[in-house]
């Protein structure tokens, strides 16, 4: 799943709430702590939380308890611009 696809799973308006951590995508929809895709006003569903979890008050294993529903695709490297007349 790409980051753009993941963003659609924001937990709002009845949509599922997914978060990515270290390349895995977890379904946090069933958690009362992720109501409407918001986790205590600090984190939002639909994104990659890998960096954010480094400063979270709990360990990554808390997230790892949720079902894995996919993997996060790596972003392709930016295309190099070709310079020339044609």
PDB file of N, CA and C in Angstrom:
ATOM      1  N   UNK A   1       0.848  -1.171   0.000  1.00  0.00           N
ATOM      2  CA  UNK A   1       0.000   0.000   0.000  1.00  0.00           C
ATOM      3  C   UNK A   1       0.899   1.241   0.000  1.00  0.00           C
ATOM      4  N   UNK A   2       0.549   2.198  -0.802  1.00  0.00           N
ATOM      5  CA  UNK A   2       1.316   3.438  -0.853  1.00  0.00           C
ATOM      6  C   UNK A   2       0.872   4.378   0.267  1.00  0.00           C
ATOM      7  N   UNK A   3       1.656   5.406   0.512  1.00  0.00           N
ATOM      8  CA  UNK A   3       1.273   6.400   1.525  1.00  0.00           C
ATOM      9  C   UNK A   3      -0.028   7.095   1.136  1.00  0.00           C
ATOM     10  N   UNK A   4      -0.245   7.292  -0.144  1.00  0.00           N
ATOM     11  CA  UNK A   4      -1.481   7.924  -0.612  1.00  0.00           C
ATOM     12  C   UNK A   4      -2.686   7.025  -0.326  1.00  0.00           C
ATOM     13  N   UNK A   5      -2.529   5.732  -0.536  1.00  0.00           N
ATOM     14  CA  UNK A   5      -3.609   4.793  -0.236  1.00  0.00           C
ATOM     15  C   UNK A   5      -3.848   4.708   1.271  1.00  0.00           C
ATOM     16  N   UNK A   6      -2.780   4.670   2.043  1.00  0.00           N
ATOM     17  CA  UNK A   6      -2.882   4.616   3.496  1.00  0.00           C
ATOM     18  C   UNK A   6      -3.648   5.811   4.050  1.00  0.00           C
ATOM     19  N   UNK A   7      -3.441   6.961   3.471  1.00  0.00           N
ATOM     20  CA  UNK A   7      -4.096   8.191   3.942  1.00  0.00           C
ATOM     21  C   UNK A   7      -5.619   8.094   3.904  1.00  0.00           C
ATOM     22  N   UNK A   8      -6.155   7.238   3.069  1.00  0.00           N
ATOM     23  CA  UNK A   8      -7.612   7.066   2.981  1.00  0.00           C
ATOM     24  C   UNK A   8      -8.184   6.363   4.209  1.00  0.00           C
ATOM     25  N   UNK A   9      -7.340   5.668   4.962  1.00  0.00           N
ATOM     26  CA  UNK A   9      -7.773   4.931   6.149  1.00  0.00           C
ATOM     27  C   UNK A   9      -7.513   5.776   7.391  1.00  0.00           C
ATOM     28  N   UNK A  10      -8.229   6.892   7.462  1.00  0.00           N
ATOM     29  CA  UNK A  10      -8.003   7.866   8.527  1.00  0.00           C
ATOM     30  C   UNK A  10      -8.936   7.706   9.729  1.00  0.00           C
ATOM     31  N   UNK A  11      -9.837   6.727   9.688  1.00  0.00           N
ATOM     32  CA  UNK A  11     -10.730   6.471  10.820  1.00  0.00           C
ATOM     33  C   UNK A  11     -11.903   7.421  10.953  1.00  0.00           C
ATOM     34  N   UNK A  12     -12.061   8.324  10.032  1.00  0.00           N
ATOM     35  CA  UNK A  12     -13.154   9.310  10.098  1.00  0.00           C
ATOM     36  C   UNK A  12     -14.352   8.840   9.285  1.00  0.00           C
ATOM     37  N   UNK A  13     -15.520   9.304   9.678  1.00  0.00           N
ATOM     38  CA  UNK A  13     -16.763   9.051   8.938  1.00  0.00           C
ATOM     39  C   UNK A  13     -16.964   7.573   8.618  1.00  0.00           C
ATOM     40  N   UNK A  14     -16.634   6.698   9.574  1.00  0.00           N
ATOM     41  CA  UNK A  14     -16.852   5.270   9.408  1.00  0.00           C
ATOM     42  C   UNK A  14     -15.761   4.511   8.681  1.00  0.00           C
ATOM     43  N   UNK A  15     -14.721   5.219   8.222  1.00  0.00           N
ATOM     44  CA  UNK A  15     -13.621   4.531   7.544  1.00  0.00           C
ATOM     45  C   UNK A  15     -12.743   3.816   8.572  1.00  0.00           C
ATOM     46  N   UNK A  16     -12.057   2.771   8.149  1.00  0.00           N
ATOM     47  CA  UNK A  16     -11.123   2.062   9.017  1.00  0.00           C
ATOM     48  C   UNK A  16      -9.948   2.968   9.358  1.00  0.00           C
ATOM     49  N   UNK A  17      -9.310   2.680  10.486  1.00  0.00           N
ATOM     50  CA  UNK A  17      -8.150   3.448  10.951  1.00  0.00           C
ATOM     51  C   UNK A  17      -6.911   2.567  10.868  1.00  0.00           C
ATOM     52  N   UNK A  18      -6.007   2.919   9.955  1.00  0.00           N
ATOM     53  CA  UNK A  18      -4.766   2.175   9.779  1.00  0.00           C
ATOM     54  C   UNK A  18      -3.589   3.101  10.082  1.00  0.00           C
ATOM     55  N   UNK A  19      -2.533   2.516  10.644  1.00  0.00           N
ATOM     56  CA  UNK A  19      -1.284   3.250  10.845  1.00  0.00           C
ATOM     57  C   UNK A  19      -0.137   2.358  10.382  1.00  0.00           C
ATOM     58  N   UNK A  20       0.913   2.968   9.895  1.00  0.00           N
ATOM     59  CA  UNK A  20       2.097   2.227   9.474  1.00  0.00           C
ATOM     60  C   UNK A  20       3.212   2.452  10.485  1.00  0.00           C
ATOM     61  N   UNK A  21       3.934   1.370  10.784  1.00  0.00           N
ATOM     62  CA  UNK A  21       5.098   1.446  11.665  1.00  0.00           C
ATOM     63  C   UNK A  21       6.140   0.487  11.115  1.00  0.00           C
ATOM     64  N   UNK A  22       7.298   1.014  10.802  1.00  0.00           N
ATOM     65  CA  UNK A  22       8.422   0.212  10.299  1.00  0.00           C
ATOM     66  C   UNK A  22       8.026  -0.680   9.122  1.00  0.00           C
ATOM     67  N   UNK A  23       7.246  -0.131   8.214  1.00  0.00           N
ATOM     68  CA  UNK A  23       6.892  -0.839   6.991  1.00  0.00           C
ATOM     69  C   UNK A  23       5.665  -1.724   7.078  1.00  0.00           C
ATOM     70  N   UNK A  24       5.132  -1.952   8.270  1.00  0.00           N
ATOM     71  CA  UNK A  24       3.921  -2.756   8.423  1.00  0.00           C
ATOM     72  C   UNK A  24       2.731  -1.836   8.674  1.00  0.00           C
ATOM     73  N   UNK A  25       1.572  -2.243   8.166  1.00  0.00           N
ATOM     74  CA  UNK A  25       0.350  -1.457   8.360  1.00  0.00           C
ATOM     75  C   UNK A  25      -0.547  -2.208   9.332  1.00  0.00           C
ATOM     76  N   UNK A  26      -0.958  -1.488  10.382  1.00  0.00           N
ATOM     77  CA  UNK A  26      -1.776  -2.064  11.444  1.00  0.00           C
ATOM     78  C   UNK A  26      -3.175  -1.465  11.423  1.00  0.00           C
ATOM     79  N   UNK A  27      -4.168  -2.301  11.713  1.00  0.00           N
ATOM     80  CA  UNK A  27      -5.564  -1.861  11.804  1.00  0.00           C
ATOM     81  C   UNK A  27      -5.866  -1.553  13.265  1.00  0.00           C
ATOM     82  N   UNK A  28      -5.997  -0.262  13.596  1.00  0.00           N
ATOM     83  CA  UNK A  28      -6.271   0.169  14.972  1.00  0.00           C
ATOM     84  C   UNK A  28      -7.735   0.564  15.155  1.00  0.00           C
ATOM     85  N   UNK A  29      -8.572   0.232  14.182  1.00  0.00           N
ATOM     86  CA  UNK A  29      -9.984   0.625  14.176  1.00  0.00           C
ATOM     87  C   UNK A  29     -10.703   0.222  15.450  1.00  0.00           C
ATOM     88  N   UNK A  30     -10.461  -0.965  15.961  1.00  0.00           N
ATOM     89  CA  UNK A  30     -11.207  -1.483  17.111  1.00  0.00           C
ATOM     90  C   UNK A  30     -10.794  -0.858  18.442  1.00  0.00           C
ATOM     91  N   UNK A  31      -9.720  -0.101  18.467  1.00  0.00           N
ATOM     92  CA  UNK A  31      -9.235   0.469  19.714  1.00  0.00           C
ATOM     93  C   UNK A  31     -10.001   1.736  20.091  1.00  0.00           C
ATOM     94  N   UNK A  32     -10.484   1.777  21.326  1.00  0.00           N
ATOM     95  CA  UNK A  32     -11.158   2.982  21.831  1.00  0.00           C
ATOM     96  C   UNK A  32     -10.188   4.160  21.903  1.00  0.00           C
ATOM     97  N   UNK A  33      -8.894   3.880  21.940  1.00  0.00           N
ATOM     98  CA  UNK A  33      -7.887   4.940  21.994  1.00  0.00           C
ATOM     99  C   UNK A  33      -7.612   5.567  20.624  1.00  0.00           C
ATOM    100  N   UNK A  34      -8.265   5.036  19.583  1.00  0.00           N
ATOM    101  CA  UNK A  34      -8.115   5.560  18.231  1.00  0.00           C
ATOM    102  C   UNK A  34      -9.469   5.990  17.662  1.00  0.00           C
ATOM    103  N   UNK A  35     -10.352   6.471  18.508  1.00  0.00           N
ATOM    104  CA  UNK A  35     -11.681   6.876  18.071  1.00  0.00           C
ATOM    105  C   UNK A  35     -11.593   7.981  17.021  1.00  0.00           C
ATOM    106  N   UNK A  36     -12.323   7.792  15.944  1.00  0.00           N
ATOM    107  CA  UNK A  36     -12.326   8.738  14.814  1.00  0.00           C
ATOM    108  C   UNK A  36     -10.929   8.980  14.247  1.00  0.00           C
ATOM    109  N   UNK A  37     -10.051   7.993  14.388  1.00  0.00           N
ATOM    110  CA  UNK A  37      -8.717   8.096  13.809  1.00  0.00           C
ATOM    111  C   UNK A  37      -7.757   8.983  14.562  1.00  0.00           C
ATOM    112  N   UNK A  38      -8.123   9.380  15.764  1.00  0.00           N
ATOM    113  CA  UNK A  38      -7.275  10.266  16.561  1.00  0.00           C
ATOM    114  C   UNK A  38      -6.817   9.534  17.821  1.00  0.00           C
ATOM    115  N   UNK A  39      -5.531   9.610  18.117  1.00  0.00           N
ATOM    116  CA  UNK A  39      -4.992   8.978  19.320  1.00  0.00           C
ATOM    117  C   UNK A  39      -4.548  10.060  20.290  1.00  0.00           C
ATOM    118  N   UNK A  40      -5.430  10.378  21.204  1.00  0.00           N
ATOM    119  CA  UNK A  40      -5.153  11.323  22.288  1.00  0.00           C
ATOM    120  C   UNK A  40      -4.664  12.684  21.796  1.00  0.00           C
ATOM    121  N   UNK A  41      -5.103  13.075  20.615  1.00  0.00           N
ATOM    122  CA  UNK A  41      -4.715  14.376  20.071  1.00  0.00           C
ATOM    123  C   UNK A  41      -3.259  14.467  19.643  1.00  0.00           C
ATOM    124  N   UNK A  42      -2.559  13.338  19.677  1.00  0.00           N
ATOM    125  CA  UNK A  42      -1.128  13.341  19.361  1.00  0.00           C
ATOM    126  C   UNK A  42      -0.784  12.676  18.030  1.00  0.00           C
ATOM    127  N   UNK A  43      -1.578  11.688  17.650  1.00  0.00           N
ATOM    128  CA  UNK A  43      -1.297  10.931  16.435  1.00  0.00           C
ATOM    129  C   UNK A  43      -2.581  10.752  15.647  1.00  0.00           C
ATOM    130  N   UNK A  44      -2.445  10.698  14.338  1.00  0.00           N
ATOM    131  CA  UNK A  44      -3.608  10.527  13.466  1.00  0.00           C
ATOM    132  C   UNK A  44      -3.450   9.271  12.625  1.00  0.00           C
ATOM    133  N   UNK A  45      -4.552   8.555  12.450  1.00  0.00           N
ATOM    134  CA  UNK A  45      -4.557   7.388  11.582  1.00  0.00           C
ATOM    135  C   UNK A  45      -4.401   7.832  10.135  1.00  0.00           C
ATOM    136  N   UNK A  46      -3.949   6.908   9.312  1.00  0.00           N
ATOM    137  CA  UNK A  46      -3.777   7.192   7.894  1.00  0.00           C
ATOM    138  C   UNK A  46      -2.370   7.603   7.529  1.00  0.00           C
ATOM    139  N   UNK A  47      -1.437   7.434   8.460  1.00  0.00           N
ATOM    140  CA  UNK A  47      -0.073   7.852   8.175  1.00  0.00           C
ATOM    141  C   UNK A  47       0.966   6.900   8.730  1.00  0.00           C
ATOM    142  N   UNK A  48       2.219   7.227   8.447  1.00  0.00           N
ATOM    143  CA  UNK A  48       3.357   6.444   8.913  1.00  0.00           C
ATOM    144  C   UNK A  48       3.813   7.036  10.247  1.00  0.00           C
ATOM    145  N   UNK A  49       3.693   6.251  11.310  1.00  0.00           N
ATOM    146  CA  UNK A  49       4.031   6.727  12.658  1.00  0.00           C
ATOM    147  C   UNK A  49       5.409   6.261  13.125  1.00  0.00           C
ATOM    148  N   UNK A  50       6.216   5.744  12.242  1.00  0.00           N
ATOM    149  CA  UNK A  50       7.521   5.202  12.620  1.00  0.00           C
ATOM    150  C   UNK A  50       8.341   6.208  13.410  1.00  0.00           C
ATOM    151  N   UNK A  51       8.503   7.391  12.905  1.00  0.00           N
ATOM    152  CA  UNK A  51       9.309   8.413  13.588  1.00  0.00           C
ATOM    153  C   UNK A  51       8.624   8.911  14.862  1.00  0.00           C
ATOM    154  N   UNK A  52       7.309   9.088  14.815  1.00  0.00           N
ATOM    155  CA  UNK A  52       6.569   9.571  15.970  1.00  0.00           C
ATOM    156  C   UNK A  52       6.663   8.616  17.155  1.00  0.00           C
ATOM    157  N   UNK A  53       6.703   7.322  16.881  1.00  0.00           N
ATOM    158  CA  UNK A  53       6.766   6.337  17.964  1.00  0.00           C
ATOM    159  C   UNK A  53       8.089   6.364  18.709  1.00  0.00           C
ATOM    160  N   UNK A  54       9.101   6.941  18.111  1.00  0.00           N
ATOM    161  CA  UNK A  54      10.397   7.025  18.793  1.00  0.00           C
ATOM    162  C   UNK A  54      10.313   7.897  20.040  1.00  0.00           C
ATOM    163  N   UNK A  55       9.345   8.820  20.077  1.00  0.00           N
ATOM    164  CA  UNK A  55       9.192   9.703  21.238  1.00  0.00           C
ATOM    165  C   UNK A  55       7.896   9.427  22.004  1.00  0.00           C
ATOM    166  N   UNK A  56       7.203   8.361  21.663  1.00  0.00           N
ATOM    167  CA  UNK A  56       5.941   8.028  22.338  1.00  0.00           C
ATOM    168  C   UNK A  56       6.234   7.483  23.737  1.00  0.00           C
ATOM    169  N   UNK A  57       5.274   7.657  24.653  1.00  0.00           N
ATOM    170  CA  UNK A  57       5.493   7.185  26.024  1.00  0.00           C
ATOM    171  C   UNK A  57       5.385   5.672  26.181  1.00  0.00           C
ATOM    172  N   UNK A  58       4.995   4.970  25.150  1.00  0.00           N
ATOM    173  CA  UNK A  58       4.901   3.513  25.230  1.00  0.00           C
ATOM    174  C   UNK A  58       5.811   2.892  24.178  1.00  0.00           C
ATOM    175  N   UNK A  59       5.991   1.619  24.281  1.00  0.00           N
ATOM    176  CA  UNK A  59       6.885   0.934  23.350  1.00  0.00           C
ATOM    177  C   UNK A  59       6.139   0.512  22.094  1.00  0.00           C
ATOM    178  N   UNK A  60       6.881   0.230  21.054  1.00  0.00           N
ATOM    179  CA  UNK A  60       6.298  -0.147  19.775  1.00  0.00           C
ATOM    180  C   UNK A  60       5.464  -1.415  19.881  1.00  0.00           C
ATOM    181  N   UNK A  61       5.762  -2.262  20.844  1.00  0.00           N
ATOM    182  CA  UNK A  61       5.019  -3.515  20.980  1.00  0.00           C
ATOM    183  C   UNK A  61       3.538  -3.286  21.232  1.00  0.00           C
ATOM    184  N   UNK A  62       3.160  -2.109  21.729  1.00  0.00           N
ATOM    185  CA  UNK A  62       1.743  -1.796  21.925  1.00  0.00           C
ATOM    186  C   UNK A  62       1.039  -1.774  20.567  1.00  0.00           C
ATOM    187  N   UNK A  63       1.641  -1.160  19.588  1.00  0.00           N
ATOM    188  CA  UNK A  63       1.065  -1.105  18.242  1.00  0.00           C
ATOM    189  C   UNK A  63       1.092  -2.487  17.597  1.00  0.00           C
ATOM    190  N   UNK A  64       2.123  -3.236  17.865  1.00  0.00           N
ATOM    191  CA  UNK A  64       2.292  -4.541  17.243  1.00  0.00           C
ATOM    192  C   UNK A  64       1.245  -5.557  17.698  1.00  0.00           C
ATOM    193  N   UNK A  65       0.439  -5.227  18.683  1.00  0.00           N
ATOM    194  CA  UNK A  65      -0.651  -6.108  19.131  1.00  0.00           C
ATOM    195  C   UNK A  65      -1.836  -6.084  18.167  1.00  0.00           C
ATOM    196  N   UNK A  66      -1.901  -5.064  17.338  1.00  0.00           N
ATOM    197  CA  UNK A  66      -3.019  -4.923  16.402  1.00  0.00           C
ATOM    198  C   UNK A  66      -2.780  -5.773  15.160  1.00  0.00           C
ATOM    199  N   UNK A  67      -3.866  -6.128  14.457  1.00  0.00           N
ATOM    200  CA  UNK A  67      -3.715  -6.950  13.246  1.00  0.00           C
ATOM    201  C   UNK A  67      -2.924  -6.230  12.150  1.00  0.00           C
ATOM    202  N   UNK A  68      -2.023  -6.959  11.522  1.00  0.00           N
ATOM    203  CA  UNK A  68      -1.283  -6.438  10.372  1.00  0.00           C
ATOM    204  C   UNK A  68      -2.161  -6.657   9.144  1.00  0.00           C
ATOM    205  N   UNK A  69      -2.372  -5.587   8.382  1.00  0.00           N
ATOM    206  CA  UNK A  69      -3.240  -5.682   7.205  1.00  0.00           C
ATOM    207  C   UNK A  69      -2.493  -5.441   5.901  1.00  0.00           C
ATOM    208  N   UNK A  70      -1.200  -5.211   5.992  1.00  0.00           N
ATOM    209  CA  UNK A  70      -0.430  -4.998   4.776  1.00  0.00           C
ATOM    210  C   UNK A  70       0.938  -4.439   5.078  1.00  0.00           C
ATOM    211  N   UNK A  71       1.617  -4.051   4.010  1.00  0.00           N
ATOM    212  CA  UNK A  71       2.932  -3.434   4.133  1.00  0.00           C
ATOM    213  C   UNK A  71       2.920  -2.102   3.394  1.00  0.00           C
ATOM    214  N   UNK A  72       3.759  -1.210   3.861  1.00  0.00           N
ATOM    215  CA  UNK A  72       3.870   0.106   3.250  1.00  0.00           C
ATOM    216  C   UNK A  72       4.905   0.053   2.147  1.00  0.00           C
ATOM    217  N   UNK A  73       4.490   0.412   0.947  1.00  0.00           N
ATOM    218  CA  UNK A  73       5.409   0.416  -0.184  1.00  0.00           C
ATOM    219  C   UNK A  73       6.424   1.541  -0.015  1.00  0.00           C
ATOM    220  N   UNK A  74       7.642   1.257  -0.431  1.00  0.00           N
ATOM    221  CA  UNK A  74       8.662   2.301  -0.417  1.00  0.00           C
ATOM    222  C   UNK A  74       8.358   3.308  -1.513  1.00  0.00           C
ATOM    223  N   UNK A  75       8.673   4.547  -1.212  1.00  0.00           N
ATOM    224  CA  UNK A  75       8.491   5.597  -2.204  1.00  0.00           C
ATOM    225  C   UNK A  75       9.560   5.446  -3.275  1.00  0.00           C
ATOM    226  N   UNK A  76       9.173   5.533  -4.540  1.00  0.00           N
ATOM    227  CA  UNK A  76      10.193   5.454  -5.586  1.00  0.00           C
ATOM    228  C   UNK A  76      11.088   6.688  -5.524  1.00  0.00           C
ATOM    229  N   UNK A  77      12.345   6.535  -5.887  1.00  0.00           N
ATOM    230  CA  UNK A  77      13.239   7.702  -5.877  1.00  0.00           C
ATOM    231  C   UNK A  77      12.744   8.737  -6.882  1.00  0.00           C
ATOM    232  N   UNK A  78      12.964  10.010  -6.592  1.00  0.00           N
ATOM    233  CA  UNK A  78      12.512  11.039  -7.532  1.00  0.00           C
ATOM    234  C   UNK A  78      13.208  10.888  -8.874  1.00  0.00           C
ATOM    235  N   UNK A  79      12.450  11.155  -9.913  1.00  0.00           N
ATOM    236  CA  UNK A  79      13.017  11.062 -11.259  1.00  0.00           C
ATOM    237  C   UNK A  79      13.958  12.230 -11.479  1.00  0.00           C
ATOM    238  N   UNK A  80      15.060  11.924 -12.119  1.00  0.00           N
ATOM    239  CA  UNK A  80      16.016  12.973 -12.442  1.00  0.00           C
ATOM    240  C   UNK A  80      15.514  13.718 -13.661  1.00  0.00           C
ATOM    241  N   UNK A  81      15.636  15.013 -13.611  1.00  0.00           N
ATOM    242  CA  UNK A  81      15.227  15.822 -14.758  1.00  0.00           C
ATOM    243  C   UNK A  81      16.313  15.761 -15.817  1.00  0.00           C
ATOM    244  N   UNK A  82      15.871  15.611 -17.028  1.00  0.00           N
ATOM    245  CA  UNK A  82      16.803  15.590 -18.146  1.00  0.00           C
ATOM    246  C   UNK A  82      16.845  16.985 -18.742  1.00  0.00           C
ATOM    247  N   UNK A  83      18.005  17.465 -18.907  1.00  0.00           N
ATOM    248  CA  UNK A  83      18.166  18.778 -19.485  1.00  0.00           C
ATOM    249  C   UNK A  83      18.534  18.622 -20.950  1.00  0.00           C
ATOM    250  N   UNK A  84      18.001  19.458 -21.749  1.00  0.00           N
ATOM    251  CA  UNK A  84      18.303  19.415 -23.163  1.00  0.00           C
ATOM    252  C   UNK A  84      17.263  20.213 -23.933  1.00  0.00           C
ATOM    253  N   UNK A  85      17.450  20.252 -25.193  1.00  0.00           N
ATOM    254  CA  UNK A  85      16.545  21.030 -26.014  1.00  0.00           C
ATOM    255  C   UNK A  85      15.296  20.259 -26.378  1.00  0.00           C
ATOM    256  N   UNK A  86      15.349  18.927 -26.393  1.00  0.00           N
ATOM    257  CA  UNK A  86      14.205  18.146 -26.832  1.00  0.00           C
ATOM    258  C   UNK A  86      13.801  17.177 -25.785  1.00  0.00           C
TER     259      UNK A  86
END
